[in-house]
Amino acid sequence: MEKDLIAKAKSFVEKSRIENSKIIIDNSNQTISITGEFEGSIITSDIKMMTNGYIRNTTQFSKKRKKSDYLNDVVELSNNGYKQIEIAQMLGISQPLVSQLLKKSKNLIEMEE
């Protein structure tokens, strides 16, 4: 099954022309996560192998120049129920940065009240 996951990932990266790709395989869940860049955007795609096919979920976000530029995206994704590690993978940033930005957001809201 791992060979199928790797083949799907490589095919997706080639067809999508994703650069600087990073592929993470989770054999226990039979999923693969691909993160990379395409035309100035960060692309994240998760592929889950099923008995008769696969499910692919892809996100695309503009690449930011400064860490603080991610604040609105991080807050919006968090409010939509995504976990910090999922947000980090989608945006191509670290989980600790996601945590810092969420704390910053909370502090900004408290200052406004």
PDB file of N, CA and C in Angstrom:
ATOM      1  N   MET A   1       0.825  -1.204   0.000  1.00  0.00           N
ATOM      2  CA  MET A   1       0.000   0.000   0.000  1.00  0.00           C
ATOM      3  C   MET A   1       0.866   1.265   0.000  1.00  0.00           C
ATOM      4  N   GLU A   2       2.042   1.197   0.658  1.00  0.00           N
ATOM      5  CA  GLU A   2       2.914   2.363   0.705  1.00  0.00           C
ATOM      6  C   GLU A   2       3.374   2.768  -0.693  1.00  0.00           C
ATOM      7  N   LYS A   3       3.632   1.783  -1.558  1.00  0.00           N
ATOM      8  CA  LYS A   3       4.045   2.084  -2.924  1.00  0.00           C
ATOM      9  C   LYS A   3       2.947   2.848  -3.670  1.00  0.00           C
ATOM     10  N   ASP A   4       1.678   2.472  -3.418  1.00  0.00           N
ATOM     11  CA  ASP A   4       0.551   3.181  -4.032  1.00  0.00           C
ATOM     12  C   ASP A   4       0.506   4.629  -3.570  1.00  0.00           C
ATOM     13  N   LEU A   5       0.736   4.845  -2.259  1.00  0.00           N
ATOM     14  CA  LEU A   5       0.730   6.210  -1.711  1.00  0.00           C
ATOM     15  C   LEU A   5       1.842   7.051  -2.329  1.00  0.00           C
ATOM     16  N   ILE A   6       3.022   6.476  -2.416  1.00  0.00           N
ATOM     17  CA  ILE A   6       4.164   7.196  -2.987  1.00  0.00           C
ATOM     18  C   ILE A   6       3.913   7.510  -4.459  1.00  0.00           C
ATOM     19  N   ALA A   7       3.370   6.558  -5.197  1.00  0.00           N
ATOM     20  CA  ALA A   7       3.078   6.774  -6.618  1.00  0.00           C
ATOM     21  C   ALA A   7       2.052   7.897  -6.793  1.00  0.00           C
ATOM     22  N   LYS A   8       0.996   7.897  -5.979  1.00  0.00           N
ATOM     23  CA  LYS A   8      -0.019   8.954  -6.051  1.00  0.00           C
ATOM     24  C   LYS A   8       0.601  10.310  -5.744  1.00  0.00           C
ATOM     25  N   ALA A   9       1.449  10.366  -4.725  1.00  0.00           N
ATOM     26  CA  ALA A   9       2.083  11.622  -4.331  1.00  0.00           C
ATOM     27  C   ALA A   9       2.982  12.156  -5.443  1.00  0.00           C
ATOM     28  N   LYS A  10       3.822  11.309  -5.989  1.00  0.00           N
ATOM     29  CA  LYS A  10       4.733  11.736  -7.055  1.00  0.00           C
ATOM     30  C   LYS A  10       3.957  12.187  -8.286  1.00  0.00           C
ATOM     31  N   SER A  11       2.904  11.471  -8.622  1.00  0.00           N
ATOM     32  CA  SER A  11       2.069  11.835  -9.763  1.00  0.00           C
ATOM     33  C   SER A  11       1.423  13.202  -9.550  1.00  0.00           C
ATOM     34  N   PHE A  12       0.883  13.426  -8.351  1.00  0.00           N
ATOM     35  CA  PHE A  12       0.251  14.710  -8.034  1.00  0.00           C
ATOM     36  C   PHE A  12       1.259  15.854  -8.123  1.00  0.00           C
ATOM     37  N   VAL A  13       2.453  15.651  -7.570  1.00  0.00           N
ATOM     38  CA  VAL A  13       3.494  16.694  -7.588  1.00  0.00           C
ATOM     39  C   VAL A  13       3.881  17.027  -9.024  1.00  0.00           C
ATOM     40  N   GLU A  14       4.066  16.016  -9.868  1.00  0.00           N
ATOM     41  CA  GLU A  14       4.449  16.241 -11.265  1.00  0.00           C
ATOM     42  C   GLU A  14       3.344  16.938 -12.048  1.00  0.00           C
ATOM     43  N   LYS A  15       2.118  16.438 -11.939  1.00  0.00           N
ATOM     44  CA  LYS A  15       1.002  17.023 -12.688  1.00  0.00           C
ATOM     45  C   LYS A  15       0.698  18.448 -12.242  1.00  0.00           C
ATOM     46  N   SER A  16       0.851  18.713 -10.952  1.00  0.00           N
ATOM     47  CA  SER A  16       0.519  20.033 -10.408  1.00  0.00           C
ATOM     48  C   SER A  16       1.676  21.011 -10.508  1.00  0.00           C
ATOM     49  N   ARG A  17       2.840  20.533 -10.935  1.00  0.00           N
ATOM     50  CA  ARG A  17       4.042  21.362 -11.054  1.00  0.00           C
ATOM     51  C   ARG A  17       4.400  22.042  -9.732  1.00  0.00           C
ATOM     52  N   ILE A  18       4.285  21.280  -8.649  1.00  0.00           N
ATOM     53  CA  ILE A  18       4.613  21.789  -7.318  1.00  0.00           C
ATOM     54  C   ILE A  18       6.129  21.758  -7.141  1.00  0.00           C
ATOM     55  N   GLU A  19       6.675  22.867  -6.665  1.00  0.00           N
ATOM     56  CA  GLU A  19       8.112  22.976  -6.428  1.00  0.00           C
ATOM     57  C   GLU A  19       8.397  22.869  -4.938  1.00  0.00           C
ATOM     58  N   ASN A  20       9.631  22.528  -4.605  1.00  0.00           N
ATOM     59  CA  ASN A  20      10.064  22.419  -3.208  1.00  0.00           C
ATOM     60  C   ASN A  20       9.103  21.550  -2.403  1.00  0.00           C
ATOM     61  N   SER A  21       8.695  20.440  -2.983  1.00  0.00           N
ATOM     62  CA  SER A  21       7.691  19.593  -2.335  1.00  0.00           C
ATOM     63  C   SER A  21       8.280  18.819  -1.160  1.00  0.00           C
ATOM     64  N   LYS A  22       7.432  18.614  -0.173  1.00  0.00           N
ATOM     65  CA  LYS A  22       7.757  17.822   1.006  1.00  0.00           C
ATOM     66  C   LYS A  22       6.640  16.795   1.141  1.00  0.00           C
ATOM     67  N   ILE A  23       6.995  15.528   1.227  1.00  0.00           N
ATOM     68  CA  ILE A  23       6.007  14.449   1.290  1.00  0.00           C
ATOM     69  C   ILE A  23       6.140  13.727   2.627  1.00  0.00           C
ATOM     70  N   ILE A  24       5.011  13.597   3.320  1.00  0.00           N
ATOM     71  CA  ILE A  24       4.974  12.887   4.605  1.00  0.00           C
ATOM     72  C   ILE A  24       4.001  11.720   4.466  1.00  0.00           C
ATOM     73  N   ILE A  25       4.476  10.517   4.772  1.00  0.00           N
ATOM     74  CA  ILE A  25       3.644   9.316   4.672  1.00  0.00           C
ATOM     75  C   ILE A  25       3.252   8.853   6.073  1.00  0.00           C
ATOM     76  N   ASP A  26       1.959   8.593   6.260  1.00  0.00           N
ATOM     77  CA  ASP A  26       1.442   8.036   7.514  1.00  0.00           C
ATOM     78  C   ASP A  26       0.844   6.669   7.190  1.00  0.00           C
ATOM     79  N   ASN A  27       1.650   5.629   7.360  1.00  0.00           N
ATOM     80  CA  ASN A  27       1.208   4.275   7.020  1.00  0.00           C
ATOM     81  C   ASN A  27       0.044   3.805   7.879  1.00  0.00           C
ATOM     82  N   SER A  28       0.000   4.243   9.138  1.00  0.00           N
ATOM     83  CA  SER A  28      -1.061   3.764  10.025  1.00  0.00           C
ATOM     84  C   SER A  28      -2.439   4.224   9.557  1.00  0.00           C
ATOM     85  N   ASN A  29      -2.520   5.427   8.979  1.00  0.00           N
ATOM     86  CA  ASN A  29      -3.791   5.950   8.469  1.00  0.00           C
ATOM     87  C   ASN A  29      -3.911   5.833   6.953  1.00  0.00           C
ATOM     88  N   GLN A  30      -2.873   5.298   6.326  1.00  0.00           N
ATOM     89  CA  GLN A  30      -2.826   5.170   4.871  1.00  0.00           C
ATOM     90  C   GLN A  30      -3.071   6.525   4.197  1.00  0.00           C
ATOM     91  N   THR A  31      -2.373   7.544   4.702  1.00  0.00           N
ATOM     92  CA  THR A  31      -2.490   8.886   4.131  1.00  0.00           C
ATOM     93  C   THR A  31      -1.108   9.426   3.791  1.00  0.00           C
ATOM     94  N   ILE A  32      -1.123  10.397   2.923  1.00  0.00           N
ATOM     95  CA  ILE A  32       0.101  11.085   2.543  1.00  0.00           C
ATOM     96  C   ILE A  32      -0.199  12.568   2.477  1.00  0.00           C
ATOM     97  N   SER A  33       0.714  13.387   2.995  1.00  0.00           N
ATOM     98  CA  SER A  33       0.563  14.846   2.943  1.00  0.00           C
ATOM     99  C   SER A  33       1.675  15.410   2.087  1.00  0.00           C
ATOM    100  N   ILE A  34       1.299  16.295   1.189  1.00  0.00           N
ATOM    101  CA  ILE A  34       2.254  16.935   0.282  1.00  0.00           C
ATOM    102  C   ILE A  34       2.152  18.438   0.491  1.00  0.00           C
ATOM    103  N   THR A  35       3.287  19.076   0.712  1.00  0.00           N
ATOM    104  CA  THR A  35       3.331  20.526   0.834  1.00  0.00           C
ATOM    105  C   THR A  35       4.388  21.036  -0.128  1.00  0.00           C
ATOM    106  N   GLY A  36       4.093  22.148  -0.792  1.00  0.00           N
ATOM    107  CA  GLY A  36       5.053  22.725  -1.722  1.00  0.00           C
ATOM    108  C   GLY A  36       4.592  24.082  -2.203  1.00  0.00           C
ATOM    109  N   GLU A  37       5.283  24.598  -3.202  1.00  0.00           N
ATOM    110  CA  GLU A  37       4.986  25.932  -3.725  1.00  0.00           C
ATOM    111  C   GLU A  37       4.557  25.844  -5.185  1.00  0.00           C
ATOM    112  N   PHE A  38       3.614  26.718  -5.542  1.00  0.00           N
ATOM    113  CA  PHE A  38       3.158  26.804  -6.920  1.00  0.00           C
ATOM    114  C   PHE A  38       2.743  28.245  -7.200  1.00  0.00           C
ATOM    115  N   GLU A  39       3.440  28.885  -8.122  1.00  0.00           N
ATOM    116  CA  GLU A  39       3.136  30.252  -8.550  1.00  0.00           C
ATOM    117  C   GLU A  39       2.888  31.199  -7.379  1.00  0.00           C
ATOM    118  N   GLY A  40       3.823  31.193  -6.417  1.00  0.00           N
ATOM    119  CA  GLY A  40       3.739  32.125  -5.298  1.00  0.00           C
ATOM    120  C   GLY A  40       2.773  31.723  -4.203  1.00  0.00           C
ATOM    121  N   SER A  41       2.207  30.533  -4.293  1.00  0.00           N
ATOM    122  CA  SER A  41       1.277  30.057  -3.280  1.00  0.00           C
ATOM    123  C   SER A  41       1.839  28.811  -2.594  1.00  0.00           C
ATOM    124  N   ILE A  42       1.347  28.571  -1.382  1.00  0.00           N
ATOM    125  CA  ILE A  42       1.652  27.339  -0.666  1.00  0.00           C
ATOM    126  C   ILE A  42       0.513  26.367  -0.946  1.00  0.00           C
ATOM    127  N   ILE A  43       0.848  25.186  -1.425  1.00  0.00           N
ATOM    128  CA  ILE A  43      -0.130  24.144  -1.732  1.00  0.00           C
ATOM    129  C   ILE A  43       0.046  23.018  -0.723  1.00  0.00           C
ATOM    130  N   THR A  44      -1.058  22.556  -0.150  1.00  0.00           N
ATOM    131  CA  THR A  44      -1.041  21.384   0.716  1.00  0.00           C
ATOM    132  C   THR A  44      -2.106  20.435   0.217  1.00  0.00           C
ATOM    133  N   SER A  45      -1.725  19.179   0.052  1.00  0.00           N
ATOM    134  CA  SER A  45      -2.686  18.181  -0.392  1.00  0.00           C
ATOM    135  C   SER A  45      -2.545  16.936   0.467  1.00  0.00           C
ATOM    136  N   ASP A  46      -3.674  16.437   0.955  1.00  0.00           N
ATOM    137  CA  ASP A  46      -3.700  15.197   1.717  1.00  0.00           C
ATOM    138  C   ASP A  46      -4.412  14.149   0.876  1.00  0.00           C
ATOM    139  N   ILE A  47      -3.796  12.985   0.754  1.00  0.00           N
ATOM    140  CA  ILE A  47      -4.370  11.888  -0.018  1.00  0.00           C
ATOM    141  C   ILE A  47      -4.579  10.712   0.928  1.00  0.00           C
ATOM    142  N   LYS A  48      -5.802  10.215   1.001  1.00  0.00           N
ATOM    143  CA  LYS A  48      -6.127   9.044   1.827  1.00  0.00           C
ATOM    144  C   LYS A  48      -6.561   7.919   0.913  1.00  0.00           C
ATOM    145  N   MET A  49      -5.848   6.804   1.017  1.00  0.00           N
ATOM    146  CA  MET A  49      -6.179   5.634   0.204  1.00  0.00           C
ATOM    147  C   MET A  49      -7.398   4.936   0.797  1.00  0.00           C
ATOM    148  N   MET A  50      -8.320   4.565  -0.068  1.00  0.00           N
ATOM    149  CA  MET A  50      -9.521   3.837   0.320  1.00  0.00           C
ATOM    150  C   MET A  50      -9.511   2.498  -0.427  1.00  0.00           C
ATOM    151  N   THR A  51     -10.444   1.627  -0.127  1.00  0.00           N
ATOM    152  CA  THR A  51     -10.492   0.308  -0.753  1.00  0.00           C
ATOM    153  C   THR A  51     -10.589   0.397  -2.271  1.00  0.00           C
ATOM    154  N   ASN A  52     -11.453   1.289  -2.765  1.00  0.00           N
ATOM    155  CA  ASN A  52     -11.690   1.368  -4.208  1.00  0.00           C
ATOM    156  C   ASN A  52     -11.261   2.696  -4.824  1.00  0.00           C
ATOM    157  N   GLY A  53     -10.336   3.378  -4.200  1.00  0.00           N
ATOM    158  CA  GLY A  53      -9.898   4.654  -4.739  1.00  0.00           C
ATOM    159  C   GLY A  53      -9.174   5.469  -3.686  1.00  0.00           C
ATOM    160  N   TYR A  54      -9.310   6.775  -3.758  1.00  0.00           N
ATOM    161  CA  TYR A  54      -8.656   7.651  -2.793  1.00  0.00           C
ATOM    162  C   TYR A  54      -9.442   8.945  -2.659  1.00  0.00           C
ATOM    163  N   ILE A  55      -9.200   9.631  -1.537  1.00  0.00           N
ATOM    164  CA  ILE A  55      -9.784  10.954  -1.292  1.00  0.00           C
ATOM    165  C   ILE A  55      -8.624  11.935  -1.233  1.00  0.00           C
ATOM    166  N   ARG A  56      -8.749  13.036  -1.979  1.00  0.00           N
ATOM    167  CA  ARG A  56      -7.702  14.069  -1.966  1.00  0.00           C
ATOM    168  C   ARG A  56      -8.320  15.387  -1.559  1.00  0.00           C
ATOM    169  N   ASN A  57      -7.698  16.046  -0.583  1.00  0.00           N
ATOM    170  CA  ASN A  57      -8.121  17.362  -0.130  1.00  0.00           C
ATOM    171  C   ASN A  57      -6.948  18.314  -0.339  1.00  0.00           C
ATOM    172  N   THR A  58      -7.163  19.380  -1.096  1.00  0.00           N
ATOM    173  CA  THR A  58      -6.087  20.307  -1.417  1.00  0.00           C
ATOM    174  C   THR A  58      -6.447  21.719  -0.979  1.00  0.00           C
ATOM    175  N   THR A  59      -5.482  22.405  -0.374  1.00  0.00           N
ATOM    176  CA  THR A  59      -5.659  23.811   0.003  1.00  0.00           C
ATOM    177  C   THR A  59      -4.572  24.641  -0.663  1.00  0.00           C
ATOM    178  N   GLN A  60      -4.871  25.907  -0.902  1.00  0.00           N
ATOM    179  CA  GLN A  60      -3.911  26.813  -1.526  1.00  0.00           C
ATOM    180  C   GLN A  60      -4.021  28.171  -0.843  1.00  0.00           C
ATOM    181  N   PHE A  61      -2.886  28.685  -0.368  1.00  0.00           N
ATOM    182  CA  PHE A  61      -2.824  29.987   0.292  1.00  0.00           C
ATOM    183  C   PHE A  61      -1.684  30.796  -0.306  1.00  0.00           C
ATOM    184  N   SER A  62      -1.865  32.102  -0.358  1.00  0.00           N
ATOM    185  CA  SER A  62      -0.799  32.979  -0.832  1.00  0.00           C
ATOM    186  C   SER A  62       0.382  32.896   0.116  1.00  0.00           C
ATOM    187  N   LYS A  63       1.568  32.889  -0.452  1.00  0.00           N
ATOM    188  CA  LYS A  63       2.781  32.872   0.354  1.00  0.00           C
ATOM    189  C   LYS A  63       2.973  34.263   0.946  1.00  0.00           C
ATOM    190  N   LYS A  64       3.247  34.325   2.226  1.00  0.00           N
ATOM    191  CA  LYS A  64       3.406  35.605   2.934  1.00  0.00           C
ATOM    192  C   LYS A  64       4.882  35.965   3.035  1.00  0.00           C
ATOM    193  N   ARG A  65       5.136  37.247   3.244  1.00  0.00           N
ATOM    194  CA  ARG A  65       6.520  37.699   3.356  1.00  0.00           C
ATOM    195  C   ARG A  65       6.992  37.777   4.805  1.00  0.00           C
ATOM    196  N   LYS A  66       6.071  38.163   5.714  1.00  0.00           N
ATOM    197  CA  LYS A  66       6.420  38.284   7.130  1.00  0.00           C
ATOM    198  C   LYS A  66       5.572  37.307   7.934  1.00  0.00           C
ATOM    199  N   LYS A  67       6.095  36.875   9.058  1.00  0.00           N
ATOM    200  CA  LYS A  67       5.365  35.944   9.911  1.00  0.00           C
ATOM    201  C   LYS A  67       4.017  36.523  10.342  1.00  0.00           C
ATOM    202  N   SER A  68       3.989  37.796  10.644  1.00  0.00           N
ATOM    203  CA  SER A  68       2.750  38.421  11.125  1.00  0.00           C
ATOM    204  C   SER A  68       1.671  38.471  10.039  1.00  0.00           C
ATOM    205  N   ASP A  69       2.060  38.317   8.785  1.00  0.00           N
ATOM    206  CA  ASP A  69       1.086  38.324   7.682  1.00  0.00           C
ATOM    207  C   ASP A  69       0.161  37.107   7.722  1.00  0.00           C
ATOM    208  N   TYR A  70       0.545  36.087   8.475  1.00  0.00           N
ATOM    209  CA  TYR A  70      -0.253  34.864   8.563  1.00  0.00           C
ATOM    210  C   TYR A  70      -1.374  34.955   9.599  1.00  0.00           C
ATOM    211  N   LEU A  71      -1.392  36.012  10.391  1.00  0.00           N
ATOM    212  CA  LEU A  71      -2.314  36.111  11.522  1.00  0.00           C
ATOM    213  C   LEU A  71      -3.773  35.869  11.131  1.00  0.00           C
ATOM    214  N   ASN A  72      -4.265  36.576  10.137  1.00  0.00           N
ATOM    215  CA  ASN A  72      -5.679  36.435   9.762  1.00  0.00           C
ATOM    216  C   ASN A  72      -6.016  35.030   9.266  1.00  0.00           C
ATOM    217  N   ASP A  73      -5.135  34.436   8.462  1.00  0.00           N
ATOM    218  CA  ASP A  73      -5.377  33.079   7.967  1.00  0.00           C
ATOM    219  C   ASP A  73      -5.394  32.075   9.118  1.00  0.00           C
ATOM    220  N   VAL A  74      -4.450  32.216  10.054  1.00  0.00           N
ATOM    221  CA  VAL A  74      -4.368  31.306  11.199  1.00  0.00           C
ATOM    222  C   VAL A  74      -5.636  31.389  12.042  1.00  0.00           C
ATOM    223  N   VAL A  75      -6.078  32.603  12.333  1.00  0.00           N
ATOM    224  CA  VAL A  75      -7.281  32.782  13.151  1.00  0.00           C
ATOM    225  C   VAL A  75      -8.501  32.214  12.435  1.00  0.00           C
ATOM    226  N   GLU A  76      -8.631  32.480  11.145  1.00  0.00           N
ATOM    227  CA  GLU A  76      -9.784  31.989  10.392  1.00  0.00           C
ATOM    228  C   GLU A  76      -9.815  30.455  10.359  1.00  0.00           C
ATOM    229  N   LEU A  77      -8.673  29.839  10.104  1.00  0.00           N
ATOM    230  CA  LEU A  77      -8.619  28.378  10.069  1.00  0.00           C
ATOM    231  C   LEU A  77      -8.902  27.782  11.448  1.00  0.00           C
ATOM    232  N   SER A  78      -8.372  28.412  12.488  1.00  0.00           N
ATOM    233  CA  SER A  78      -8.631  27.947  13.848  1.00  0.00           C
ATOM    234  C   SER A  78     -10.120  28.046  14.180  1.00  0.00           C
ATOM    235  N   ASN A  79     -10.742  29.147  13.793  1.00  0.00           N
ATOM    236  CA  ASN A  79     -12.173  29.329  14.036  1.00  0.00           C
ATOM    237  C   ASN A  79     -13.016  28.323  13.252  1.00  0.00           C
ATOM    238  N   ASN A  80     -12.447  27.770  12.180  1.00  0.00           N
ATOM    239  CA  ASN A  80     -13.149  26.755  11.384  1.00  0.00           C
ATOM    240  C   ASN A  80     -12.852  25.337  11.869  1.00  0.00           C
ATOM    241  N   GLY A  81     -12.188  25.228  13.022  1.00  0.00           N
ATOM    242  CA  GLY A  81     -12.005  23.927  13.651  1.00  0.00           C
ATOM    243  C   GLY A  81     -10.739  23.168  13.311  1.00  0.00           C
ATOM    244  N   TYR A  82      -9.817  23.778  12.572  1.00  0.00           N
ATOM    245  CA  TYR A  82      -8.578  23.082  12.241  1.00  0.00           C
ATOM    246  C   TYR A  82      -7.628  23.107  13.430  1.00  0.00           C
ATOM    247  N   LYS A  83      -6.866  22.025  13.610  1.00  0.00           N
ATOM    248  CA  LYS A  83      -5.873  21.931  14.673  1.00  0.00           C
ATOM    249  C   LYS A  83      -4.637  22.723  14.264  1.00  0.00           C
ATOM    250  N   GLN A  84      -3.835  23.099  15.268  1.00  0.00           N
ATOM    251  CA  GLN A  84      -2.637  23.895  14.996  1.00  0.00           C
ATOM    252  C   GLN A  84      -1.700  23.208  14.001  1.00  0.00           C
ATOM    253  N   ILE A  85      -1.505  21.914  14.143  1.00  0.00           N
ATOM    254  CA  ILE A  85      -0.602  21.206  13.228  1.00  0.00           C
ATOM    255  C   ILE A  85      -1.161  21.197  11.810  1.00  0.00           C
ATOM    256  N   GLU A  86      -2.481  21.102  11.674  1.00  0.00           N
ATOM    257  CA  GLU A  86      -3.112  21.134  10.353  1.00  0.00           C
ATOM    258  C   GLU A  86      -2.945  22.520   9.715  1.00  0.00           C
ATOM    259  N   ILE A  87      -3.121  23.553  10.530  1.00  0.00           N
ATOM    260  CA  ILE A  87      -2.954  24.933  10.041  1.00  0.00           C
ATOM    261  C   ILE A  87      -1.518  25.142   9.573  1.00  0.00           C
ATOM    262  N   ALA A  88      -0.577  24.671  10.369  1.00  0.00           N
ATOM    263  CA  ALA A  88       0.838  24.821  10.017  1.00  0.00           C
ATOM    264  C   ALA A  88       1.143  24.152   8.684  1.00  0.00           C
ATOM    265  N   GLN A  89       0.627  22.949   8.486  1.00  0.00           N
ATOM    266  CA  GLN A  89       0.872  22.228   7.234  1.00  0.00           C
ATOM    267  C   GLN A  89       0.231  22.950   6.057  1.00  0.00           C
ATOM    268  N   MET A  90      -0.982  23.446   6.243  1.00  0.00           N
ATOM    269  CA  MET A  90      -1.678  24.138   5.147  1.00  0.00           C
ATOM    270  C   MET A  90      -0.959  25.408   4.718  1.00  0.00           C
ATOM    271  N   LEU A  91      -0.407  26.132   5.686  1.00  0.00           N
ATOM    272  CA  LEU A  91       0.219  27.414   5.385  1.00  0.00           C
ATOM    273  C   LEU A  91       1.724  27.315   5.155  1.00  0.00           C
ATOM    274  N   GLY A  92       2.295  26.146   5.395  1.00  0.00           N
ATOM    275  CA  GLY A  92       3.736  25.969   5.201  1.00  0.00           C
ATOM    276  C   GLY A  92       4.563  26.679   6.253  1.00  0.00           C
ATOM    277  N   ILE A  93       4.029  26.744   7.487  1.00  0.00           N
ATOM    278  CA  ILE A  93       4.742  27.372   8.599  1.00  0.00           C
ATOM    279  C   ILE A  93       4.840  26.359   9.733  1.00  0.00           C
ATOM    280  N   SER A  94       5.520  26.730  10.804  1.00  0.00           N
ATOM    281  CA  SER A  94       5.684  25.807  11.925  1.00  0.00           C
ATOM    282  C   SER A  94       4.487  25.869  12.872  1.00  0.00           C
ATOM    283  N   GLN A  95       4.270  24.779  13.601  1.00  0.00           N
ATOM    284  CA  GLN A  95       3.201  24.743  14.599  1.00  0.00           C
ATOM    285  C   GLN A  95       3.458  25.748  15.718  1.00  0.00           C
ATOM    286  N   PRO A  96       4.715  25.920  16.200  1.00  0.00           N
ATOM    287  CA  PRO A  96       4.943  26.945  17.225  1.00  0.00           C
ATOM    288  C   PRO A  96       4.574  28.357  16.749  1.00  0.00           C
ATOM    289  N   LEU A  97       4.785  28.655  15.466  1.00  0.00           N
ATOM    290  CA  LEU A  97       4.390  29.965  14.953  1.00  0.00           C
ATOM    291  C   LEU A  97       2.871  30.094  14.976  1.00  0.00           C
ATOM    292  N   VAL A  98       2.153  29.039  14.628  1.00  0.00           N
ATOM    293  CA  VAL A  98       0.691  29.067  14.698  1.00  0.00           C
ATOM    294  C   VAL A  98       0.257  29.372  16.123  1.00  0.00           C
ATOM    295  N   SER A  99       0.865  28.707  17.093  1.00  0.00           N
ATOM    296  CA  SER A  99       0.545  28.929  18.501  1.00  0.00           C
ATOM    297  C   SER A  99       0.804  30.382  18.904  1.00  0.00           C
ATOM    298  N   GLN A 100       1.944  30.918  18.495  1.00  0.00           N
ATOM    299  CA  GLN A 100       2.286  32.316  18.812  1.00  0.00           C
ATOM    300  C   GLN A 100       1.267  33.282  18.219  1.00  0.00           C
ATOM    301  N   LEU A 101       0.865  33.039  16.986  1.00  0.00           N
ATOM    302  CA  LEU A 101      -0.085  33.933  16.327  1.00  0.00           C
ATOM    303  C   LEU A 101      -1.466  33.860  16.975  1.00  0.00           C
ATOM    304  N   LEU A 102      -1.877  32.673  17.408  1.00  0.00           N
ATOM    305  CA  LEU A 102      -3.162  32.549  18.101  1.00  0.00           C
ATOM    306  C   LEU A 102      -3.127  33.280  19.442  1.00  0.00           C
ATOM    307  N   LYS A 103      -1.999  33.195  20.152  1.00  0.00           N
ATOM    308  CA  LYS A 103      -1.847  33.937  21.414  1.00  0.00           C
ATOM    309  C   LYS A 103      -1.883  35.435  21.151  1.00  0.00           C
ATOM    310  N   LYS A 104      -1.200  35.860  20.102  1.00  0.00           N
ATOM    311  CA  LYS A 104      -1.187  37.283  19.746  1.00  0.00           C
ATOM    312  C   LYS A 104      -2.603  37.758  19.439  1.00  0.00           C
ATOM    313  N   SER A 105      -3.354  36.954  18.718  1.00  0.00           N
ATOM    314  CA  SER A 105      -4.726  37.296  18.374  1.00  0.00           C
ATOM    315  C   SER A 105      -5.584  37.436  19.627  1.00  0.00           C
ATOM    316  N   LYS A 106      -5.413  36.491  20.552  1.00  0.00           N
ATOM    317  CA  LYS A 106      -6.168  36.527  21.803  1.00  0.00           C
ATOM    318  C   LYS A 106      -5.837  37.796  22.585  1.00  0.00           C
ATOM    319  N   ASN A 107      -4.540  38.170  22.622  1.00  0.00           N
ATOM    320  CA  ASN A 107      -4.120  39.381  23.327  1.00  0.00           C
ATOM    321  C   ASN A 107      -4.693  40.630  22.680  1.00  0.00           C
ATOM    322  N   LEU A 108      -4.742  40.654  21.347  1.00  0.00           N
ATOM    323  CA  LEU A 108      -5.312  41.806  20.645  1.00  0.00           C
ATOM    324  C   LEU A 108      -6.797  41.966  20.957  1.00  0.00           C
ATOM    325  N   ILE A 109      -7.514  40.849  21.019  1.00  0.00           N
ATOM    326  CA  ILE A 109      -8.953  40.891  21.331  1.00  0.00           C
ATOM    327  C   ILE A 109      -9.154  41.386  22.749  1.00  0.00           C
ATOM    328  N   GLU A 110      -8.322  40.916  23.708  1.00  0.00           N
ATOM    329  CA  GLU A 110      -8.454  41.344  25.089  1.00  0.00           C
ATOM    330  C   GLU A 110      -8.143  42.828  25.235  1.00  0.00           C
ATOM    331  N   MET A 111      -7.208  43.336  24.462  1.00  0.00           N
ATOM    332  CA  MET A 111      -6.855  44.766  24.532  1.00  0.00           C
ATOM    333  C   MET A 111      -8.009  45.628  24.013  1.00  0.00           C
ATOM    334  N   GLU A 112      -8.764  45.126  23.035  1.00  0.00           N
ATOM    335  CA  GLU A 112      -9.871  45.893  22.464  1.00  0.00           C
ATOM    336  C   GLU A 112     -11.055  45.964  23.412  1.00  0.00           C
ATOM    337  N   GLU A 113     -11.187  45.001  24.315  1.00  0.00           N
ATOM    338  CA  GLU A 113     -12.351  44.950  25.212  1.00  0.00           C
ATOM    339  C   GLU A 113     -12.221  45.865  26.386  1.00  0.00           C
TER     340      GLU A 113
END
